[in-house]
Amino acid sequence: MKAADQAILQLLGPPKPLELTPGNIARNTGLSRGYTSSRLSVLVDNGLVEVDEQEGSHPFYNLSDQGRAYLEGKLSLEDLGQNSEI
């Protein structure tokens, strides 16, 4: 897990779960917009983040149940069958 992934998960997670666009996430984590988008894709592929893509709108990302369990220490990356990119 990259430091950027951890920062994204923590931003989206408790205490108040958020739904944010990649631009909002980048701005609040200090990561570039492009890098944030690439890491979000990896997190979605691994089931830690969900995406809500509505036609004509920016996608919104939020923490999945698995992502929440990971942050709470109830789930490891090995439990997810982790992708080599994470």
PDB file of N, CA and C in Angstrom:
ATOM      1  N   MET A   1       0.860  -1.173   0.000  1.00  0.00           N
ATOM      2  CA  MET A   1       0.000   0.000   0.000  1.00  0.00           C
ATOM      3  C   MET A   1       0.899   1.226   0.000  1.00  0.00           C
ATOM      4  N   LYS A   2       0.653   2.094  -0.928  1.00  0.00           N
ATOM      5  CA  LYS A   2       1.422   3.337  -1.036  1.00  0.00           C
ATOM      6  C   LYS A   2       0.887   4.362  -0.028  1.00  0.00           C
ATOM      7  N   ALA A   3       1.727   5.294   0.351  1.00  0.00           N
ATOM      8  CA  ALA A   3       1.311   6.349   1.283  1.00  0.00           C
ATOM      9  C   ALA A   3       0.122   7.126   0.711  1.00  0.00           C
ATOM     10  N   ALA A   4       0.105   7.319  -0.600  1.00  0.00           N
ATOM     11  CA  ALA A   4      -1.010   8.027  -1.241  1.00  0.00           C
ATOM     12  C   ALA A   4      -2.314   7.271  -1.053  1.00  0.00           C
ATOM     13  N   ASP A   5      -2.273   5.940  -1.147  1.00  0.00           N
ATOM     14  CA  ASP A   5      -3.477   5.130  -0.964  1.00  0.00           C
ATOM     15  C   ASP A   5      -4.023   5.306   0.449  1.00  0.00           C
ATOM     16  N   GLN A   6      -3.135   5.267   1.408  1.00  0.00           N
ATOM     17  CA  GLN A   6      -3.530   5.443   2.807  1.00  0.00           C
ATOM     18  C   GLN A   6      -4.154   6.826   3.019  1.00  0.00           C
ATOM     19  N   ALA A   7      -3.572   7.852   2.445  1.00  0.00           N
ATOM     20  CA  ALA A   7      -4.106   9.210   2.583  1.00  0.00           C
ATOM     21  C   ALA A   7      -5.500   9.311   1.970  1.00  0.00           C
ATOM     22  N   ILE A   8      -5.706   8.693   0.817  1.00  0.00           N
ATOM     23  CA  ILE A   8      -7.014   8.716   0.160  1.00  0.00           C
ATOM     24  C   ILE A   8      -8.044   7.988   1.003  1.00  0.00           C
ATOM     25  N   LEU A   9      -7.713   6.795   1.481  1.00  0.00           N
ATOM     26  CA  LEU A   9      -8.651   6.032   2.303  1.00  0.00           C
ATOM     27  C   LEU A   9      -9.020   6.782   3.570  1.00  0.00           C
ATOM     28  N   GLN A  10      -8.043   7.391   4.218  1.00  0.00           N
ATOM     29  CA  GLN A  10      -8.320   8.128   5.451  1.00  0.00           C
ATOM     30  C   GLN A  10      -9.187   9.354   5.190  1.00  0.00           C
ATOM     31  N   LEU A  11      -8.976  10.016   4.064  1.00  0.00           N
ATOM     32  CA  LEU A  11      -9.799  11.179   3.727  1.00  0.00           C
ATOM     33  C   LEU A  11     -11.255  10.772   3.502  1.00  0.00           C
ATOM     34  N   LEU A  12     -11.466   9.664   2.825  1.00  0.00           N
ATOM     35  CA  LEU A  12     -12.823   9.211   2.517  1.00  0.00           C
ATOM     36  C   LEU A  12     -13.523   8.542   3.697  1.00  0.00           C
ATOM     37  N   GLY A  13     -12.753   8.144   4.703  1.00  0.00           N
ATOM     38  CA  GLY A  13     -13.296   7.335   5.782  1.00  0.00           C
ATOM     39  C   GLY A  13     -13.819   8.094   6.974  1.00  0.00           C
ATOM     40  N   PRO A  14     -13.997   7.316   8.061  1.00  0.00           N
ATOM     41  CA  PRO A  14     -14.538   7.882   9.294  1.00  0.00           C
ATOM     42  C   PRO A  14     -13.697   9.049   9.794  1.00  0.00           C
ATOM     43  N   PRO A  15     -14.252   9.928  10.611  1.00  0.00           N
ATOM     44  CA  PRO A  15     -15.514   9.751  11.303  1.00  0.00           C
ATOM     45  C   PRO A  15     -16.735  10.079  10.455  1.00  0.00           C
ATOM     46  N   LYS A  16     -16.597  10.875   9.438  1.00  0.00           N
ATOM     47  CA  LYS A  16     -17.738  11.203   8.582  1.00  0.00           C
ATOM     48  C   LYS A  16     -17.389  10.793   7.152  1.00  0.00           C
ATOM     49  N   PRO A  17     -17.963   9.686   6.687  1.00  0.00           N
ATOM     50  CA  PRO A  17     -17.670   9.244   5.326  1.00  0.00           C
ATOM     51  C   PRO A  17     -18.036  10.314   4.295  1.00  0.00           C
ATOM     52  N   LEU A  18     -17.162  10.508   3.331  1.00  0.00           N
ATOM     53  CA  LEU A  18     -17.360  11.520   2.303  1.00  0.00           C
ATOM     54  C   LEU A  18     -17.466  10.895   0.923  1.00  0.00           C
ATOM     55  N   GLU A  19     -18.100  11.597   0.005  1.00  0.00           N
ATOM     56  CA  GLU A  19     -18.107  11.263  -1.412  1.00  0.00           C
ATOM     57  C   GLU A  19     -17.467  12.447  -2.119  1.00  0.00           C
ATOM     58  N   LEU A  20     -16.318  12.212  -2.742  1.00  0.00           N
ATOM     59  CA  LEU A  20     -15.545  13.298  -3.329  1.00  0.00           C
ATOM     60  C   LEU A  20     -15.126  12.978  -4.754  1.00  0.00           C
ATOM     61  N   THR A  21     -14.910  14.028  -5.533  1.00  0.00           N
ATOM     62  CA  THR A  21     -14.372  13.871  -6.877  1.00  0.00           C
ATOM     63  C   THR A  21     -12.852  13.708  -6.787  1.00  0.00           C
ATOM     64  N   PRO A  22     -12.217  13.211  -7.848  1.00  0.00           N
ATOM     65  CA  PRO A  22     -10.759  13.107  -7.830  1.00  0.00           C
ATOM     66  C   PRO A  22     -10.081  14.460  -7.564  1.00  0.00           C
ATOM     67  N   GLY A  23     -10.630  15.526  -8.107  1.00  0.00           N
ATOM     68  CA  GLY A  23     -10.069  16.855  -7.878  1.00  0.00           C
ATOM     69  C   GLY A  23     -10.132  17.261  -6.417  1.00  0.00           C
ATOM     70  N   ASN A  24     -11.258  16.973  -5.760  1.00  0.00           N
ATOM     71  CA  ASN A  24     -11.393  17.272  -4.331  1.00  0.00           C
ATOM     72  C   ASN A  24     -10.406  16.453  -3.502  1.00  0.00           C
ATOM     73  N   ILE A  25     -10.260  15.197  -3.865  1.00  0.00           N
ATOM     74  CA  ILE A  25      -9.334  14.321  -3.141  1.00  0.00           C
ATOM     75  C   ILE A  25      -7.903  14.821  -3.322  1.00  0.00           C
ATOM     76  N   ALA A  26      -7.537  15.155  -4.546  1.00  0.00           N
ATOM     77  CA  ALA A  26      -6.187  15.666  -4.819  1.00  0.00           C
ATOM     78  C   ALA A  26      -5.911  16.925  -4.009  1.00  0.00           C
ATOM     79  N   ARG A  27      -6.854  17.827  -4.021  1.00  0.00           N
ATOM     80  CA  ARG A  27      -6.684  19.091  -3.296  1.00  0.00           C
ATOM     81  C   ARG A  27      -6.495  18.864  -1.797  1.00  0.00           C
ATOM     82  N   ASN A  28      -7.225  17.923  -1.238  1.00  0.00           N
ATOM     83  CA  ASN A  28      -7.180  17.698   0.208  1.00  0.00           C
ATOM     84  C   ASN A  28      -6.060  16.775   0.658  1.00  0.00           C
ATOM     85  N   THR A  29      -5.426  16.071  -0.257  1.00  0.00           N
ATOM     86  CA  THR A  29      -4.305  15.203   0.101  1.00  0.00           C
ATOM     87  C   THR A  29      -2.963  15.772  -0.330  1.00  0.00           C
ATOM     88  N   GLY A  30      -2.978  16.784  -1.194  1.00  0.00           N
ATOM     89  CA  GLY A  30      -1.736  17.358  -1.694  1.00  0.00           C
ATOM     90  C   GLY A  30      -1.122  16.557  -2.835  1.00  0.00           C
ATOM     91  N   LEU A  31      -1.861  15.600  -3.373  1.00  0.00           N
ATOM     92  CA  LEU A  31      -1.397  14.791  -4.509  1.00  0.00           C
ATOM     93  C   LEU A  31      -1.809  15.466  -5.811  1.00  0.00           C
ATOM     94  N   SER A  32      -1.148  15.134  -6.897  1.00  0.00           N
ATOM     95  CA  SER A  32      -1.568  15.683  -8.190  1.00  0.00           C
ATOM     96  C   SER A  32      -2.871  15.023  -8.616  1.00  0.00           C
ATOM     97  N   ARG A  33      -3.606  15.706  -9.458  1.00  0.00           N
ATOM     98  CA  ARG A  33      -4.902  15.199  -9.933  1.00  0.00           C
ATOM     99  C   ARG A  33      -4.727  13.896 -10.708  1.00  0.00           C
ATOM    100  N   GLY A  34      -3.731  13.833 -11.577  1.00  0.00           N
ATOM    101  CA  GLY A  34      -3.498  12.636 -12.372  1.00  0.00           C
ATOM    102  C   GLY A  34      -3.102  11.439 -11.527  1.00  0.00           C
ATOM    103  N   TYR A  35      -2.215  11.665 -10.566  1.00  0.00           N
ATOM    104  CA  TYR A  35      -1.777  10.574  -9.696  1.00  0.00           C
ATOM    105  C   TYR A  35      -2.931  10.102  -8.824  1.00  0.00           C
ATOM    106  N   THR A  36      -3.727  11.033  -8.332  1.00  0.00           N
ATOM    107  CA  THR A  36      -4.892  10.676  -7.528  1.00  0.00           C
ATOM    108  C   THR A  36      -5.826   9.789  -8.332  1.00  0.00           C
ATOM    109  N   SER A  37      -6.100  10.150  -9.573  1.00  0.00           N
ATOM    110  CA  SER A  37      -6.988   9.349 -10.415  1.00  0.00           C
ATOM    111  C   SER A  37      -6.435   7.945 -10.639  1.00  0.00           C
ATOM    112  N   SER A  38      -5.129   7.843 -10.862  1.00  0.00           N
ATOM    113  CA  SER A  38      -4.546   6.517 -11.091  1.00  0.00           C
ATOM    114  C   SER A  38      -4.616   5.658  -9.832  1.00  0.00           C
ATOM    115  N   ARG A  39      -4.391   6.256  -8.667  1.00  0.00           N
ATOM    116  CA  ARG A  39      -4.467   5.486  -7.423  1.00  0.00           C
ATOM    117  C   ARG A  39      -5.912   5.117  -7.094  1.00  0.00           C
ATOM    118  N   LEU A  40      -6.860   6.003  -7.404  1.00  0.00           N
ATOM    119  CA  LEU A  40      -8.271   5.677  -7.188  1.00  0.00           C
ATOM    120  C   LEU A  40      -8.671   4.465  -8.024  1.00  0.00           C
ATOM    121  N   SER A  41      -8.189   4.387  -9.248  1.00  0.00           N
ATOM    122  CA  SER A  41      -8.494   3.224 -10.101  1.00  0.00           C
ATOM    123  C   SER A  41      -8.007   1.935  -9.455  1.00  0.00           C
ATOM    124  N   VAL A  42      -6.812   1.970  -8.897  1.00  0.00           N
ATOM    125  CA  VAL A  42      -6.256   0.784  -8.232  1.00  0.00           C
ATOM    126  C   VAL A  42      -7.089   0.436  -6.997  1.00  0.00           C
ATOM    127  N   LEU A  43      -7.458   1.447  -6.220  1.00  0.00           N
ATOM    128  CA  LEU A  43      -8.260   1.205  -5.016  1.00  0.00           C
ATOM    129  C   LEU A  43      -9.638   0.652  -5.370  1.00  0.00           C
ATOM    130  N   VAL A  44     -10.234   1.129  -6.447  1.00  0.00           N
ATOM    131  CA  VAL A  44     -11.522   0.597  -6.906  1.00  0.00           C
ATOM    132  C   VAL A  44     -11.349  -0.852  -7.351  1.00  0.00           C
ATOM    133  N   ASP A  45     -10.307  -1.127  -8.143  1.00  0.00           N
ATOM    134  CA  ASP A  45     -10.047  -2.487  -8.630  1.00  0.00           C
ATOM    135  C   ASP A  45      -9.862  -3.478  -7.485  1.00  0.00           C
ATOM    136  N   ASN A  46      -9.366  -2.992  -6.354  1.00  0.00           N
ATOM    137  CA  ASN A  46      -9.118  -3.854  -5.198  1.00  0.00           C
ATOM    138  C   ASN A  46     -10.261  -3.845  -4.185  1.00  0.00           C
ATOM    139  N   GLY A  47     -11.353  -3.155  -4.504  1.00  0.00           N
ATOM    140  CA  GLY A  47     -12.530  -3.182  -3.663  1.00  0.00           C
ATOM    141  C   GLY A  47     -12.494  -2.307  -2.432  1.00  0.00           C
ATOM    142  N   LEU A  48     -11.513  -1.413  -2.337  1.00  0.00           N
ATOM    143  CA  LEU A  48     -11.410  -0.557  -1.158  1.00  0.00           C
ATOM    144  C   LEU A  48     -12.189   0.744  -1.296  1.00  0.00           C
ATOM    145  N   VAL A  49     -12.439   1.144  -2.518  1.00  0.00           N
ATOM    146  CA  VAL A  49     -13.161   2.380  -2.822  1.00  0.00           C
ATOM    147  C   VAL A  49     -14.211   2.065  -3.877  1.00  0.00           C
ATOM    148  N   GLU A  50     -15.347   2.750  -3.796  1.00  0.00           N
ATOM    149  CA  GLU A  50     -16.419   2.623  -4.789  1.00  0.00           C
ATOM    150  C   GLU A  50     -16.536   3.923  -5.558  1.00  0.00           C
ATOM    151  N   VAL A  51     -17.014   3.824  -6.788  1.00  0.00           N
ATOM    152  CA  VAL A  51     -17.184   5.008  -7.623  1.00  0.00           C
ATOM    153  C   VAL A  51     -18.637   5.106  -8.057  1.00  0.00           C
ATOM    154  N   ASP A  52     -19.167   6.314  -8.018  1.00  0.00           N
ATOM    155  CA  ASP A  52     -20.522   6.605  -8.492  1.00  0.00           C
ATOM    156  C   ASP A  52     -20.371   7.496  -9.715  1.00  0.00           C
ATOM    157  N   GLU A  53     -20.580   6.914 -10.888  1.00  0.00           N
ATOM    158  CA  GLU A  53     -20.436   7.662 -12.136  1.00  0.00           C
ATOM    159  C   GLU A  53     -21.823   7.944 -12.701  1.00  0.00           C
ATOM    160  N   GLN A  54     -22.206   9.197 -12.649  1.00  0.00           N
ATOM    161  CA  GLN A  54     -23.497   9.604 -13.195  1.00  0.00           C
ATOM    162  C   GLN A  54     -23.257  10.335 -14.497  1.00  0.00           C
ATOM    163  N   GLU A  55     -24.115  10.071 -15.457  1.00  0.00           N
ATOM    164  CA  GLU A  55     -23.969  10.685 -16.775  1.00  0.00           C
ATOM    165  C   GLU A  55     -23.979  12.206 -16.674  1.00  0.00           C
ATOM    166  N   GLY A  56     -23.008  12.834 -17.324  1.00  0.00           N
ATOM    167  CA  GLY A  56     -22.929  14.287 -17.350  1.00  0.00           C
ATOM    168  C   GLY A  56     -22.365  14.901 -16.083  1.00  0.00           C
ATOM    169  N   SER A  57     -21.792  14.079 -15.225  1.00  0.00           N
ATOM    170  CA  SER A  57     -21.266  14.577 -13.960  1.00  0.00           C
ATOM    171  C   SER A  57     -19.893  13.965 -13.710  1.00  0.00           C
ATOM    172  N   HIS A  58     -19.130  14.603 -12.847  1.00  0.00           N
ATOM    173  CA  HIS A  58     -17.854  14.036 -12.427  1.00  0.00           C
ATOM    174  C   HIS A  58     -18.120  12.791 -11.585  1.00  0.00           C
ATOM    175  N   PRO A  59     -17.227  11.809 -11.625  1.00  0.00           N
ATOM    176  CA  PRO A  59     -17.413  10.648 -10.747  1.00  0.00           C
ATOM    177  C   PRO A  59     -17.147  11.041  -9.288  1.00  0.00           C
ATOM    178  N   PHE A  60     -17.872  10.427  -8.402  1.00  0.00           N
ATOM    179  CA  PHE A  60     -17.682  10.617  -6.972  1.00  0.00           C
ATOM    180  C   PHE A  60     -17.200   9.307  -6.368  1.00  0.00           C
ATOM    181  N   TYR A  61     -16.218   9.403  -5.503  1.00  0.00           N
ATOM    182  CA  TYR A  61     -15.632   8.225  -4.865  1.00  0.00           C
ATOM    183  C   TYR A  61     -15.949   8.219  -3.380  1.00  0.00           C
ATOM    184  N   ASN A  62     -16.180   7.015  -2.852  1.00  0.00           N
ATOM    185  CA  ASN A  62     -16.405   6.860  -1.425  1.00  0.00           C
ATOM    186  C   ASN A  62     -15.783   5.549  -0.955  1.00  0.00           C
ATOM    187  N   LEU A  63     -15.584   5.449   0.319  1.00  0.00           N
ATOM    188  CA  LEU A  63     -14.979   4.272   0.928  1.00  0.00           C
ATOM    189  C   LEU A  63     -15.971   3.116   0.889  1.00  0.00           C
ATOM    190  N   SER A  64     -15.527   1.947   0.465  1.00  0.00           N
ATOM    191  CA  SER A  64     -16.380   0.760   0.457  1.00  0.00           C
ATOM    192  C   SER A  64     -16.385   0.123   1.846  1.00  0.00           C
ATOM    193  N   ASP A  65     -17.233  -0.865   2.031  1.00  0.00           N
ATOM    194  CA  ASP A  65     -17.252  -1.598   3.297  1.00  0.00           C
ATOM    195  C   ASP A  65     -15.897  -2.263   3.542  1.00  0.00           C
ATOM    196  N   GLN A  66     -15.285  -2.786   2.468  1.00  0.00           N
ATOM    197  CA  GLN A  66     -13.974  -3.401   2.606  1.00  0.00           C
ATOM    198  C   GLN A  66     -12.915  -2.362   2.978  1.00  0.00           C
ATOM    199  N   GLY A  67     -13.012  -1.175   2.397  1.00  0.00           N
ATOM    200  CA  GLY A  67     -12.084  -0.103   2.738  1.00  0.00           C
ATOM    201  C   GLY A  67     -12.209   0.302   4.190  1.00  0.00           C
ATOM    202  N   ARG A  68     -13.438   0.359   4.668  1.00  0.00           N
ATOM    203  CA  ARG A  68     -13.687   0.699   6.074  1.00  0.00           C
ATOM    204  C   ARG A  68     -13.094  -0.386   6.975  1.00  0.00           C
ATOM    205  N   ALA A  69     -13.318  -1.648   6.612  1.00  0.00           N
ATOM    206  CA  ALA A  69     -12.770  -2.758   7.398  1.00  0.00           C
ATOM    207  C   ALA A  69     -11.242  -2.720   7.397  1.00  0.00           C
ATOM    208  N   TYR A  70     -10.639  -2.357   6.269  1.00  0.00           N
ATOM    209  CA  TYR A  70      -9.177  -2.237   6.199  1.00  0.00           C
ATOM    210  C   TYR A  70      -8.680  -1.145   7.156  1.00  0.00           C
ATOM    211  N   LEU A  71      -9.319   0.028   7.129  1.00  0.00           N
ATOM    212  CA  LEU A  71      -8.902   1.123   8.012  1.00  0.00           C
ATOM    213  C   LEU A  71      -9.077   0.762   9.481  1.00  0.00           C
ATOM    214  N   GLU A  72     -10.076  -0.060   9.785  1.00  0.00           N
ATOM    215  CA  GLU A  72     -10.335  -0.465  11.166  1.00  0.00           C
ATOM    216  C   GLU A  72      -9.446  -1.624  11.607  1.00  0.00           C
ATOM    217  N   GLY A  73      -8.605  -2.135  10.693  1.00  0.00           N
ATOM    218  CA  GLY A  73      -7.708  -3.232  11.017  1.00  0.00           C
ATOM    219  C   GLY A  73      -8.370  -4.598  11.008  1.00  0.00           C
ATOM    220  N   LYS A  74      -9.573  -4.689  10.457  1.00  0.00           N
ATOM    221  CA  LYS A  74     -10.309  -5.949  10.415  1.00  0.00           C
ATOM    222  C   LYS A  74     -10.061  -6.738   9.129  1.00  0.00           C
ATOM    223  N   LEU A  75      -9.333  -6.145   8.202  1.00  0.00           N
ATOM    224  CA  LEU A  75      -9.090  -6.751   6.899  1.00  0.00           C
ATOM    225  C   LEU A  75      -7.678  -6.398   6.461  1.00  0.00           C
ATOM    226  N   SER A  76      -6.951  -7.370   5.967  1.00  0.00           N
ATOM    227  CA  SER A  76      -5.600  -7.104   5.470  1.00  0.00           C
ATOM    228  C   SER A  76      -5.612  -7.113   3.946  1.00  0.00           C
ATOM    229  N   LEU A  77      -4.549  -6.613   3.357  1.00  0.00           N
ATOM    230  CA  LEU A  77      -4.441  -6.637   1.897  1.00  0.00           C
ATOM    231  C   LEU A  77      -4.416  -8.061   1.372  1.00  0.00           C
ATOM    232  N   GLU A  78      -3.848  -8.985   2.149  1.00  0.00           N
ATOM    233  CA  GLU A  78      -3.838 -10.378   1.745  1.00  0.00           C
ATOM    234  C   GLU A  78      -5.258 -10.949   1.678  1.00  0.00           C
ATOM    235  N   ASP A  79      -6.130 -10.481   2.565  1.00  0.00           N
ATOM    236  CA  ASP A  79      -7.531 -10.911   2.550  1.00  0.00           C
ATOM    237  C   ASP A  79      -8.228 -10.513   1.255  1.00  0.00           C
ATOM    238  N   LEU A  80      -7.779  -9.436   0.655  1.00  0.00           N
ATOM    239  CA  LEU A  80      -8.403  -8.934  -0.566  1.00  0.00           C
ATOM    240  C   LEU A  80      -7.892  -9.637  -1.815  1.00  0.00           C
ATOM    241  N   GLY A  81      -6.823 -10.441  -1.669  1.00  0.00           N
ATOM    242  CA  GLY A  81      -6.182 -10.996  -2.856  1.00  0.00           C
ATOM    243  C   GLY A  81      -5.562  -9.847  -3.635  1.00  0.00           C
ATOM    244  N   GLN A  82      -4.826  -9.020  -2.933  1.00  0.00           N
ATOM    245  CA  GLN A  82      -4.337  -7.729  -3.414  1.00  0.00           C
ATOM    246  C   GLN A  82      -3.748  -7.755  -4.811  1.00  0.00           C
ATOM    247  N   ASN A  83      -4.003  -6.690  -5.518  1.00  0.00           N
ATOM    248  CA  ASN A  83      -3.414  -6.422  -6.828  1.00  0.00           C
ATOM    249  C   ASN A  83      -1.975  -5.991  -6.586  1.00  0.00           C
ATOM    250  N   SER A  84      -1.076  -6.355  -7.467  1.00  0.00           N
ATOM    251  CA  SER A  84       0.335  -6.024  -7.279  1.00  0.00           C
ATOM    252  C   SER A  84       0.601  -4.519  -7.303  1.00  0.00           C
ATOM    253  N   GLU A  85      -0.350  -3.726  -7.775  1.00  0.00           N
ATOM    254  CA  GLU A  85      -0.150  -2.279  -7.844  1.00  0.00           C
ATOM    255  C   GLU A  85      -0.441  -1.568  -6.533  1.00  0.00           C
ATOM    256  N   ILE A  86      -1.033  -2.255  -5.595  1.00  0.00           N
ATOM    257  CA  ILE A  86      -1.405  -1.593  -4.338  1.00  0.00           C
ATOM    258  C   ILE A  86      -0.330  -1.737  -3.299  1.00  0.00           C
TER     259      ILE A  86
END
